[in-house]
Amino acid sequence: MAKYLAIVTYTAEGLKGLMAKGGTARVEAARKVLASAGGSLDSYYFALGADDAYIVCELPDNVAAAATAMAAAATGMVVNRMVALLTAEEVDRAAAVQLSYDAPGS
């Protein structure tokens, strides 16, 4: 399974819900939606600053990742970015691929 990082920012309404039910409820909600997409939760951290939470998860593919992100965003309670994460081995394999690319202006 592929790993993803969801970067979450709560709207004002989302923060009200977080404050009313607590952080543990958000972690359980994440577990539930990820499981329904065929995935699992690796970690869920709340943060201070521009982003409110960082979620590392496993999902079957990009379609499941997009569906998960869209389901959360459609509530209007969160804004999120889903980032595909690569292992060192995947980067090694990508670096070994020989491609022909014409840079802009070449």
PDB file of N, CA and C in Angstrom:
ATOM      1  N   MET A   1       0.837  -1.188   0.000  1.00  0.00           N
ATOM      2  CA  MET A   1       0.000   0.000   0.000  1.00  0.00           C
ATOM      3  C   MET A   1       0.877   1.246   0.000  1.00  0.00           C
ATOM      4  N   ALA A   2       0.341   2.301  -0.582  1.00  0.00           N
ATOM      5  CA  ALA A   2       1.063   3.563  -0.653  1.00  0.00           C
ATOM      6  C   ALA A   2       0.820   4.388   0.610  1.00  0.00           C
ATOM      7  N   LYS A   3       1.830   5.187   0.968  1.00  0.00           N
ATOM      8  CA  LYS A   3       1.699   6.074   2.130  1.00  0.00           C
ATOM      9  C   LYS A   3       1.422   7.487   1.655  1.00  0.00           C
ATOM     10  N   TYR A   4       0.622   8.178   2.456  1.00  0.00           N
ATOM     11  CA  TYR A   4       0.250   9.555   2.160  1.00  0.00           C
ATOM     12  C   TYR A   4       0.335  10.386   3.425  1.00  0.00           C
ATOM     13  N   LEU A   5       0.581  11.685   3.223  1.00  0.00           N
ATOM     14  CA  LEU A   5       0.539  12.668   4.299  1.00  0.00           C
ATOM     15  C   LEU A   5      -0.614  13.606   3.997  1.00  0.00           C
ATOM     16  N   ALA A   6      -1.575  13.665   4.900  1.00  0.00           N
ATOM     17  CA  ALA A   6      -2.670  14.634   4.782  1.00  0.00           C
ATOM     18  C   ALA A   6      -2.323  15.808   5.686  1.00  0.00           C
ATOM     19  N   ILE A   7      -2.304  16.990   5.103  1.00  0.00           N
ATOM     20  CA  ILE A   7      -2.044  18.220   5.845  1.00  0.00           C
ATOM     21  C   ILE A   7      -3.385  18.928   5.978  1.00  0.00           C
ATOM     22  N   VAL A   8      -3.830  19.091   7.220  1.00  0.00           N
ATOM     23  CA  VAL A   8      -5.193  19.535   7.488  1.00  0.00           C
ATOM     24  C   VAL A   8      -5.209  20.904   8.155  1.00  0.00           C
ATOM     25  N   THR A   9      -6.108  21.747   7.684  1.00  0.00           N
ATOM     26  CA  THR A   9      -6.403  23.021   8.336  1.00  0.00           C
ATOM     27  C   THR A   9      -7.905  23.047   8.579  1.00  0.00           C
ATOM     28  N   TYR A  10      -8.310  23.260   9.803  1.00  0.00           N
ATOM     29  CA  TYR A  10      -9.724  23.319  10.138  1.00  0.00           C
ATOM     30  C   TYR A  10     -10.282  24.705   9.837  1.00  0.00           C
ATOM     31  N   THR A  11     -11.508  24.748   9.350  1.00  0.00           N
ATOM     32  CA  THR A  11     -12.231  26.018   9.230  1.00  0.00           C
ATOM     33  C   THR A  11     -12.697  26.404  10.631  1.00  0.00           C
ATOM     34  N   ALA A  12     -13.287  27.573  10.751  1.00  0.00           N
ATOM     35  CA  ALA A  12     -13.812  27.992  12.066  1.00  0.00           C
ATOM     36  C   ALA A  12     -14.843  26.982  12.572  1.00  0.00           C
ATOM     37  N   GLU A  13     -15.714  26.508  11.691  1.00  0.00           N
ATOM     38  CA  GLU A  13     -16.715  25.517  12.102  1.00  0.00           C
ATOM     39  C   GLU A  13     -16.053  24.194  12.485  1.00  0.00           C
ATOM     40  N   GLY A  14     -15.009  23.815  11.752  1.00  0.00           N
ATOM     41  CA  GLY A  14     -14.283  22.593  12.082  1.00  0.00           C
ATOM     42  C   GLY A  14     -13.616  22.686  13.444  1.00  0.00           C
ATOM     43  N   LEU A  15     -13.063  23.856  13.761  1.00  0.00           N
ATOM     44  CA  LEU A  15     -12.446  24.046  15.074  1.00  0.00           C
ATOM     45  C   LEU A  15     -13.480  23.976  16.192  1.00  0.00           C
ATOM     46  N   LYS A  16     -14.670  24.495  15.937  1.00  0.00           N
ATOM     47  CA  LYS A  16     -15.735  24.398  16.942  1.00  0.00           C
ATOM     48  C   LYS A  16     -16.065  22.931  17.216  1.00  0.00           C
ATOM     49  N   GLY A  17     -16.129  22.124  16.151  1.00  0.00           N
ATOM     50  CA  GLY A  17     -16.388  20.698  16.316  1.00  0.00           C
ATOM     51  C   GLY A  17     -15.273  19.997  17.056  1.00  0.00           C
ATOM     52  N   LEU A  18     -14.030  20.357  16.735  1.00  0.00           N
ATOM     53  CA  LEU A  18     -12.866  19.784  17.433  1.00  0.00           C
ATOM     54  C   LEU A  18     -12.925  20.119  18.916  1.00  0.00           C
ATOM     55  N   MET A  19     -13.229  21.361  19.224  1.00  0.00           N
ATOM     56  CA  MET A  19     -13.281  21.777  20.624  1.00  0.00           C
ATOM     57  C   MET A  19     -14.434  21.098  21.366  1.00  0.00           C
ATOM     58  N   ALA A  20     -15.534  20.855  20.669  1.00  0.00           N
ATOM     59  CA  ALA A  20     -16.693  20.240  21.313  1.00  0.00           C
ATOM     60  C   ALA A  20     -16.480  18.757  21.611  1.00  0.00           C
ATOM     61  N   LYS A  21     -15.825  18.045  20.690  1.00  0.00           N
ATOM     62  CA  LYS A  21     -15.700  16.589  20.836  1.00  0.00           C
ATOM     63  C   LYS A  21     -14.292  16.122  21.168  1.00  0.00           C
ATOM     64  N   GLY A  22     -13.291  16.989  20.989  1.00  0.00           N
ATOM     65  CA  GLY A  22     -11.929  16.631  21.352  1.00  0.00           C
ATOM     66  C   GLY A  22     -11.134  15.984  20.229  1.00  0.00           C
ATOM     67  N   GLY A  23      -9.838  15.927  20.458  1.00  0.00           N
ATOM     68  CA  GLY A  23      -8.914  15.387  19.471  1.00  0.00           C
ATOM     69  C   GLY A  23      -9.071  13.901  19.226  1.00  0.00           C
ATOM     70  N   THR A  24      -9.360  13.151  20.265  1.00  0.00           N
ATOM     71  CA  THR A  24      -9.510  11.696  20.128  1.00  0.00           C
ATOM     72  C   THR A  24     -10.624  11.354  19.151  1.00  0.00           C
ATOM     73  N   ALA A  25     -11.689  12.124  19.158  1.00  0.00           N
ATOM     74  CA  ALA A  25     -12.797  11.890  18.226  1.00  0.00           C
ATOM     75  C   ALA A  25     -12.355  12.101  16.786  1.00  0.00           C
ATOM     76  N   ARG A  26     -11.471  13.072  16.546  1.00  0.00           N
ATOM     77  CA  ARG A  26     -10.972  13.320  15.199  1.00  0.00           C
ATOM     78  C   ARG A  26     -10.086  12.163  14.740  1.00  0.00           C
ATOM     79  N   VAL A  27      -9.260  11.641  15.640  1.00  0.00           N
ATOM     80  CA  VAL A  27      -8.412  10.499  15.292  1.00  0.00           C
ATOM     81  C   VAL A  27      -9.281   9.302  14.925  1.00  0.00           C
ATOM     82  N   GLU A  28     -10.308   9.048  15.693  1.00  0.00           N
ATOM     83  CA  GLU A  28     -11.201   7.925  15.399  1.00  0.00           C
ATOM     84  C   GLU A  28     -11.955   8.137  14.094  1.00  0.00           C
ATOM     85  N   ALA A  29     -12.356   9.375  13.808  1.00  0.00           N
ATOM     86  CA  ALA A  29     -13.022   9.671  12.541  1.00  0.00           C
ATOM     87  C   ALA A  29     -12.072   9.414  11.367  1.00  0.00           C
ATOM     88  N   ALA A  30     -10.801   9.758  11.552  1.00  0.00           N
ATOM     89  CA  ALA A  30      -9.808   9.503  10.501  1.00  0.00           C
ATOM     90  C   ALA A  30      -9.635   8.000  10.291  1.00  0.00           C
ATOM     91  N   ARG A  31      -9.537   7.249  11.382  1.00  0.00           N
ATOM     92  CA  ARG A  31      -9.431   5.784  11.262  1.00  0.00           C
ATOM     93  C   ARG A  31     -10.598   5.211  10.467  1.00  0.00           C
ATOM     94  N   LYS A  32     -11.789   5.706  10.774  1.00  0.00           N
ATOM     95  CA  LYS A  32     -13.001   5.195  10.143  1.00  0.00           C
ATOM     96  C   LYS A  32     -13.018   5.485   8.642  1.00  0.00           C
ATOM     97  N   VAL A  33     -12.738   6.726   8.261  1.00  0.00           N
ATOM     98  CA  VAL A  33     -12.784   7.058   6.832  1.00  0.00           C
ATOM     99  C   VAL A  33     -11.674   6.346   6.069  1.00  0.00           C
ATOM    100  N   LEU A  34     -10.509   6.220   6.668  1.00  0.00           N
ATOM    101  CA  LEU A  34      -9.412   5.515   5.997  1.00  0.00           C
ATOM    102  C   LEU A  34      -9.743   4.035   5.819  1.00  0.00           C
ATOM    103  N   ALA A  35     -10.315   3.428   6.836  1.00  0.00           N
ATOM    104  CA  ALA A  35     -10.702   2.018   6.732  1.00  0.00           C
ATOM    105  C   ALA A  35     -11.759   1.831   5.645  1.00  0.00           C
ATOM    106  N   SER A  36     -12.696   2.772   5.534  1.00  0.00           N
ATOM    107  CA  SER A  36     -13.738   2.649   4.517  1.00  0.00           C
ATOM    108  C   SER A  36     -13.167   2.785   3.108  1.00  0.00           C
ATOM    109  N   ALA A  37     -11.984   3.396   2.998  1.00  0.00           N
ATOM    110  CA  ALA A  37     -11.306   3.517   1.704  1.00  0.00           C
ATOM    111  C   ALA A  37     -10.304   2.384   1.485  1.00  0.00           C
ATOM    112  N   GLY A  38     -10.270   1.426   2.412  1.00  0.00           N
ATOM    113  CA  GLY A  38      -9.349   0.300   2.286  1.00  0.00           C
ATOM    114  C   GLY A  38      -7.968   0.572   2.846  1.00  0.00           C
ATOM    115  N   GLY A  39      -7.846   1.615   3.669  1.00  0.00           N
ATOM    116  CA  GLY A  39      -6.542   1.993   4.208  1.00  0.00           C
ATOM    117  C   GLY A  39      -6.473   1.912   5.716  1.00  0.00           C
ATOM    118  N   SER A  40      -5.416   2.530   6.252  1.00  0.00           N
ATOM    119  CA  SER A  40      -5.217   2.535   7.703  1.00  0.00           C
ATOM    120  C   SER A  40      -4.469   3.791   8.121  1.00  0.00           C
ATOM    121  N   LEU A  41      -4.592   4.111   9.393  1.00  0.00           N
ATOM    122  CA  LEU A  41      -3.942   5.275   9.983  1.00  0.00           C
ATOM    123  C   LEU A  41      -2.611   4.875  10.584  1.00  0.00           C
ATOM    124  N   ASP A  42      -1.542   5.566  10.198  1.00  0.00           N
ATOM    125  CA  ASP A  42      -0.232   5.359  10.822  1.00  0.00           C
ATOM    126  C   ASP A  42      -0.051   6.293  12.016  1.00  0.00           C
ATOM    127  N   SER A  43      -0.322   7.581  11.804  1.00  0.00           N
ATOM    128  CA  SER A  43      -0.180   8.554  12.891  1.00  0.00           C
ATOM    129  C   SER A  43      -1.043   9.775  12.605  1.00  0.00           C
ATOM    130  N   TYR A  44      -1.412  10.447  13.673  1.00  0.00           N
ATOM    131  CA  TYR A  44      -2.235  11.655  13.588  1.00  0.00           C
ATOM    132  C   TYR A  44      -1.692  12.614  14.639  1.00  0.00           C
ATOM    133  N   TYR A  45      -1.144  13.722  14.176  1.00  0.00           N
ATOM    134  CA  TYR A  45      -0.591  14.717  15.085  1.00  0.00           C
ATOM    135  C   TYR A  45      -1.272  16.057  14.871  1.00  0.00           C
ATOM    136  N   PHE A  46      -1.668  16.686  15.960  1.00  0.00           N
ATOM    137  CA  PHE A  46      -2.163  18.049  15.898  1.00  0.00           C
ATOM    138  C   PHE A  46      -0.958  18.963  15.936  1.00  0.00           C
ATOM    139  N   ALA A  47      -1.105  20.167  15.364  1.00  0.00           N
ATOM    140  CA  ALA A  47       0.033  21.073  15.234  1.00  0.00           C
ATOM    141  C   ALA A  47      -0.368  22.494  15.567  1.00  0.00           C
ATOM    142  N   LEU A  48       0.632  23.293  15.842  1.00  0.00           N
ATOM    143  CA  LEU A  48       0.449  24.718  16.063  1.00  0.00           C
ATOM    144  C   LEU A  48       0.971  25.434  14.824  1.00  0.00           C
ATOM    145  N   GLY A  49       0.297  26.495  14.423  1.00  0.00           N
ATOM    146  CA  GLY A  49       0.759  27.243  13.264  1.00  0.00           C
ATOM    147  C   GLY A  49      -0.260  27.214  12.143  1.00  0.00           C
ATOM    148  N   ALA A  50       0.217  27.311  10.915  1.00  0.00           N
ATOM    149  CA  ALA A  50      -0.667  27.397   9.752  1.00  0.00           C
ATOM    150  C   ALA A  50      -1.472  26.114   9.533  1.00  0.00           C
ATOM    151  N   ASP A  51      -0.892  24.979   9.866  1.00  0.00           N
ATOM    152  CA  ASP A  51      -1.575  23.688   9.713  1.00  0.00           C
ATOM    153  C   ASP A  51      -2.037  23.204  11.076  1.00  0.00           C
ATOM    154  N   ASP A  52      -3.213  22.569  11.097  1.00  0.00           N
ATOM    155  CA  ASP A  52      -3.785  22.102  12.359  1.00  0.00           C
ATOM    156  C   ASP A  52      -3.502  20.640  12.657  1.00  0.00           C
ATOM    157  N   ALA A  53      -3.248  19.843  11.615  1.00  0.00           N
ATOM    158  CA  ALA A  53      -3.000  18.420  11.844  1.00  0.00           C
ATOM    159  C   ALA A  53      -2.207  17.833  10.686  1.00  0.00           C
ATOM    160  N   TYR A  54      -1.424  16.815  11.032  1.00  0.00           N
ATOM    161  CA  TYR A  54      -0.664  16.033  10.049  1.00  0.00           C
ATOM    162  C   TYR A  54      -1.044  14.572  10.249  1.00  0.00           C
ATOM    163  N   ILE A  55      -1.530  13.964   9.174  1.00  0.00           N
ATOM    164  CA  ILE A  55      -1.985  12.580   9.240  1.00  0.00           C
ATOM    165  C   ILE A  55      -1.155  11.751   8.267  1.00  0.00           C
ATOM    166  N   VAL A  56      -0.508  10.710   8.756  1.00  0.00           N
ATOM    167  CA  VAL A  56       0.201   9.770   7.890  1.00  0.00           C
ATOM    168  C   VAL A  56      -0.652   8.515   7.818  1.00  0.00           C
ATOM    169  N   CYS A  57      -0.925   8.082   6.599  1.00  0.00           N
ATOM    170  CA  CYS A  57      -1.808   6.938   6.416  1.00  0.00           C
ATOM    171  C   CYS A  57      -1.356   6.083   5.247  1.00  0.00           C
ATOM    172  N   GLU A  58      -1.921   4.891   5.184  1.00  0.00           N
ATOM    173  CA  GLU A  58      -1.716   4.001   4.047  1.00  0.00           C
ATOM    174  C   GLU A  58      -3.045   3.860   3.332  1.00  0.00           C
ATOM    175  N   LEU A  59      -2.997   3.957   2.013  1.00  0.00           N
ATOM    176  CA  LEU A  59      -4.183   3.790   1.184  1.00  0.00           C
ATOM    177  C   LEU A  59      -3.811   2.961  -0.037  1.00  0.00           C
ATOM    178  N   PRO A  60      -4.787   2.274  -0.635  1.00  0.00           N
ATOM    179  CA  PRO A  60      -4.475   1.391  -1.750  1.00  0.00           C
ATOM    180  C   PRO A  60      -3.868   2.101  -2.963  1.00  0.00           C
ATOM    181  N   ASP A  61      -4.320   3.326  -3.240  1.00  0.00           N
ATOM    182  CA  ASP A  61      -3.846   4.008  -4.448  1.00  0.00           C
ATOM    183  C   ASP A  61      -4.274   5.476  -4.426  1.00  0.00           C
ATOM    184  N   ASN A  62      -3.933   6.193  -5.502  1.00  0.00           N
ATOM    185  CA  ASN A  62      -4.258   7.612  -5.589  1.00  0.00           C
ATOM    186  C   ASN A  62      -5.761   7.869  -5.636  1.00  0.00           C
ATOM    187  N   VAL A  63      -6.525   6.955  -6.205  1.00  0.00           N
ATOM    188  CA  VAL A  63      -7.978   7.124  -6.253  1.00  0.00           C
ATOM    189  C   VAL A  63      -8.550   7.111  -4.840  1.00  0.00           C
ATOM    190  N   ALA A  64      -8.099   6.173  -4.019  1.00  0.00           N
ATOM    191  CA  ALA A  64      -8.556   6.118  -2.630  1.00  0.00           C
ATOM    192  C   ALA A  64      -8.111   7.364  -1.871  1.00  0.00           C
ATOM    193  N   ALA A  65      -6.895   7.843  -2.150  1.00  0.00           N
ATOM    194  CA  ALA A  65      -6.403   9.055  -1.491  1.00  0.00           C
ATOM    195  C   ALA A  65      -7.246  10.259  -1.892  1.00  0.00           C
ATOM    196  N   ALA A  66      -7.556  10.375  -3.175  1.00  0.00           N
ATOM    197  CA  ALA A  66      -8.379  11.490  -3.645  1.00  0.00           C
ATOM    198  C   ALA A  66      -9.786  11.414  -3.054  1.00  0.00           C
ATOM    199  N   ALA A  67     -10.356  10.225  -3.015  1.00  0.00           N
ATOM    200  CA  ALA A  67     -11.697  10.062  -2.454  1.00  0.00           C
ATOM    201  C   ALA A  67     -11.731  10.462  -0.982  1.00  0.00           C
ATOM    202  N   THR A  68     -10.701  10.073  -0.243  1.00  0.00           N
ATOM    203  CA  THR A  68     -10.619  10.417   1.176  1.00  0.00           C
ATOM    204  C   THR A  68     -10.513  11.926   1.362  1.00  0.00           C
ATOM    205  N   ALA A  69      -9.635  12.556   0.595  1.00  0.00           N
ATOM    206  CA  ALA A  69      -9.456  14.004   0.695  1.00  0.00           C
ATOM    207  C   ALA A  69     -10.734  14.740   0.310  1.00  0.00           C
ATOM    208  N   MET A  70     -11.401  14.281  -0.747  1.00  0.00           N
ATOM    209  CA  MET A  70     -12.633  14.941  -1.189  1.00  0.00           C
ATOM    210  C   MET A  70     -13.751  14.785  -0.162  1.00  0.00           C
ATOM    211  N   ALA A  71     -13.853  13.607   0.444  1.00  0.00           N
ATOM    212  CA  ALA A  71     -14.898  13.385   1.453  1.00  0.00           C
ATOM    213  C   ALA A  71     -14.719  14.341   2.625  1.00  0.00           C
ATOM    214  N   ALA A  72     -13.483  14.531   3.063  1.00  0.00           N
ATOM    215  CA  ALA A  72     -13.224  15.444   4.177  1.00  0.00           C
ATOM    216  C   ALA A  72     -13.490  16.889   3.775  1.00  0.00           C
ATOM    217  N   ALA A  73     -12.992  17.287   2.607  1.00  0.00           N
ATOM    218  CA  ALA A  73     -13.151  18.671   2.161  1.00  0.00           C
ATOM    219  C   ALA A  73     -14.619  19.016   1.891  1.00  0.00           C
ATOM    220  N   ALA A  74     -15.385  18.049   1.420  1.00  0.00           N
ATOM    221  CA  ALA A  74     -16.791  18.298   1.082  1.00  0.00           C
ATOM    222  C   ALA A  74     -17.631  18.671   2.299  1.00  0.00           C
ATOM    223  N   THR A  75     -17.146  18.376   3.494  1.00  0.00           N
ATOM    224  CA  THR A  75     -17.889  18.760   4.697  1.00  0.00           C
ATOM    225  C   THR A  75     -17.847  20.262   4.927  1.00  0.00           C
ATOM    226  N   GLY A  76     -16.861  20.935   4.321  1.00  0.00           N
ATOM    227  CA  GLY A  76     -16.680  22.356   4.560  1.00  0.00           C
ATOM    228  C   GLY A  76     -16.026  22.665   5.889  1.00  0.00           C
ATOM    229  N   MET A  77     -15.622  21.628   6.625  1.00  0.00           N
ATOM    230  CA  MET A  77     -15.031  21.804   7.954  1.00  0.00           C
ATOM    231  C   MET A  77     -13.506  21.774   7.930  1.00  0.00           C
ATOM    232  N   VAL A  78     -12.934  21.262   6.831  1.00  0.00           N
ATOM    233  CA  VAL A  78     -11.476  21.186   6.729  1.00  0.00           C
ATOM    234  C   VAL A  78     -11.035  21.562   5.323  1.00  0.00           C
ATOM    235  N   VAL A  79      -9.821  22.042   5.246  1.00  0.00           N
ATOM    236  CA  VAL A  79      -9.109  22.212   3.981  1.00  0.00           C
ATOM    237  C   VAL A  79      -7.925  21.279   4.111  1.00  0.00           C
ATOM    238  N   ASN A  80      -7.682  20.454   3.093  1.00  0.00           N
ATOM    239  CA  ASN A  80      -6.589  19.498   3.230  1.00  0.00           C
ATOM    240  C   ASN A  80      -5.798  19.362   1.950  1.00  0.00           C
ATOM    241  N   ARG A  81      -4.573  18.912   2.112  1.00  0.00           N
ATOM    242  CA  ARG A  81      -3.700  18.562   0.993  1.00  0.00           C
ATOM    243  C   ARG A  81      -3.261  17.136   1.224  1.00  0.00           C
ATOM    244  N   MET A  82      -3.318  16.327   0.187  1.00  0.00           N
ATOM    245  CA  MET A  82      -2.896  14.928   0.284  1.00  0.00           C
ATOM    246  C   MET A  82      -1.595  14.810  -0.501  1.00  0.00           C
ATOM    247  N   VAL A  83      -0.532  14.383   0.186  1.00  0.00           N
ATOM    248  CA  VAL A  83       0.792  14.281  -0.411  1.00  0.00           C
ATOM    249  C   VAL A  83       1.212  12.817  -0.455  1.00  0.00           C
ATOM    250  N   ALA A  84       1.560  12.341  -1.649  1.00  0.00           N
ATOM    251  CA  ALA A  84       2.069  10.969  -1.773  1.00  0.00           C
ATOM    252  C   ALA A  84       3.479  10.929  -1.188  1.00  0.00           C
ATOM    253  N   LEU A  85       3.756   9.927  -0.361  1.00  0.00           N
ATOM    254  CA  LEU A  85       5.071   9.768   0.263  1.00  0.00           C
ATOM    255  C   LEU A  85       5.814   8.621  -0.413  1.00  0.00           C
ATOM    256  N   LEU A  86       7.090   8.815  -0.641  1.00  0.00           N
ATOM    257  CA  LEU A  86       7.932   7.806  -1.289  1.00  0.00           C
ATOM    258  C   LEU A  86       8.968   7.283  -0.320  1.00  0.00           C
ATOM    259  N   THR A  87       9.238   5.993  -0.395  1.00  0.00           N
ATOM    260  CA  THR A  87      10.321   5.411   0.392  1.00  0.00           C
ATOM    261  C   THR A  87      11.650   5.713  -0.303  1.00  0.00           C
ATOM    262  N   ALA A  88      12.749   5.516   0.410  1.00  0.00           N
ATOM    263  CA  ALA A  88      14.075   5.707  -0.193  1.00  0.00           C
ATOM    264  C   ALA A  88      14.264   4.753  -1.363  1.00  0.00           C
ATOM    265  N   GLU A  89      13.753   3.547  -1.233  1.00  0.00           N
ATOM    266  CA  GLU A  89      13.884   2.566  -2.308  1.00  0.00           C
ATOM    267  C   GLU A  89      13.125   3.001  -3.556  1.00  0.00           C
ATOM    268  N   GLU A  90      11.945   3.589  -3.374  1.00  0.00           N
ATOM    269  CA  GLU A  90      11.176   4.085  -4.518  1.00  0.00           C
ATOM    270  C   GLU A  90      11.910   5.228  -5.210  1.00  0.00           C
ATOM    271  N   VAL A  91      12.530   6.099  -4.438  1.00  0.00           N
ATOM    272  CA  VAL A  91      13.317   7.186  -5.023  1.00  0.00           C
ATOM    273  C   VAL A  91      14.509   6.616  -5.784  1.00  0.00           C
ATOM    274  N   ASP A  92      15.161   5.589  -5.225  1.00  0.00           N
ATOM    275  CA  ASP A  92      16.280   4.947  -5.926  1.00  0.00           C
ATOM    276  C   ASP A  92      15.830   4.395  -7.269  1.00  0.00           C
ATOM    277  N   ARG A  93      14.678   3.720  -7.293  1.00  0.00           N
ATOM    278  CA  ARG A  93      14.161   3.159  -8.548  1.00  0.00           C
ATOM    279  C   ARG A  93      13.834   4.269  -9.542  1.00  0.00           C
ATOM    280  N   ALA A  94      13.234   5.356  -9.058  1.00  0.00           N
ATOM    281  CA  ALA A  94      12.915   6.477  -9.934  1.00  0.00           C
ATOM    282  C   ALA A  94      14.176   7.122 -10.498  1.00  0.00           C
ATOM    283  N   ALA A  95      15.198   7.248  -9.661  1.00  0.00           N
ATOM    284  CA  ALA A  95      16.458   7.856 -10.103  1.00  0.00           C
ATOM    285  C   ALA A  95      17.161   7.002 -11.149  1.00  0.00           C
ATOM    286  N   ALA A  96      16.923   5.711 -11.134  1.00  0.00           N
ATOM    287  CA  ALA A  96      17.576   4.800 -12.073  1.00  0.00           C
ATOM    288  C   ALA A  96      16.894   4.789 -13.443  1.00  0.00           C
ATOM    289  N   VAL A  97      15.708   5.340 -13.546  1.00  0.00           N
ATOM    290  CA  VAL A  97      14.993   5.360 -14.828  1.00  0.00           C
ATOM    291  C   VAL A  97      15.627   6.410 -15.739  1.00  0.00           C
ATOM    292  N   GLN A  98      15.966   5.990 -16.955  1.00  0.00           N
ATOM    293  CA  GLN A  98      16.568   6.885 -17.937  1.00  0.00           C
ATOM    294  C   GLN A  98      15.476   7.464 -18.832  1.00  0.00           C
ATOM    295  N   LEU A  99      15.263   8.771 -18.751  1.00  0.00           N
ATOM    296  CA  LEU A  99      14.243   9.450 -19.544  1.00  0.00           C
ATOM    297  C   LEU A  99      14.878  10.502 -20.439  1.00  0.00           C
ATOM    298  N   SER A 100      14.218  10.824 -21.508  1.00  0.00           N
ATOM    299  CA  SER A 100      14.632  11.898 -22.390  1.00  0.00           C
ATOM    300  C   SER A 100      13.681  13.066 -22.172  1.00  0.00           C
ATOM    301  N   TYR A 101      14.221  14.207 -21.777  1.00  0.00           N
ATOM    302  CA  TYR A 101      13.389  15.369 -21.486  1.00  0.00           C
ATOM    303  C   TYR A 101      14.034  16.604 -22.091  1.00  0.00           C
ATOM    304  N   ASP A 102      13.245  17.383 -22.814  1.00  0.00           N
ATOM    305  CA  ASP A 102      13.703  18.654 -23.368  1.00  0.00           C
ATOM    306  C   ASP A 102      13.271  19.777 -22.443  1.00  0.00           C
ATOM    307  N   ALA A 103      14.248  20.431 -21.807  1.00  0.00           N
ATOM    308  CA  ALA A 103      13.963  21.526 -20.880  1.00  0.00           C
ATOM    309  C   ALA A 103      13.349  22.709 -21.620  1.00  0.00           C
ATOM    310  N   PRO A 104      12.561  23.530 -20.925  1.00  0.00           N
ATOM    311  CA  PRO A 104      11.970  24.698 -21.568  1.00  0.00           C
ATOM    312  C   PRO A 104      13.062  25.576 -22.203  1.00  0.00           C
ATOM    313  N   GLY A 105      12.820  25.996 -23.416  1.00  0.00           N
ATOM    314  CA  GLY A 105      13.783  26.852 -24.112  1.00  0.00           C
ATOM    315  C   GLY A 105      14.899  26.103 -24.797  1.00  0.00           C
ATOM    316  N   SER A 106      14.908  24.765 -24.706  1.00  0.00           N
ATOM    317  CA  SER A 106      16.010  24.029 -25.332  1.00  0.00           C
ATOM    318  C   SER A 106      15.705  23.708 -26.780  1.00  0.00           C
TER     319      SER A 106
END
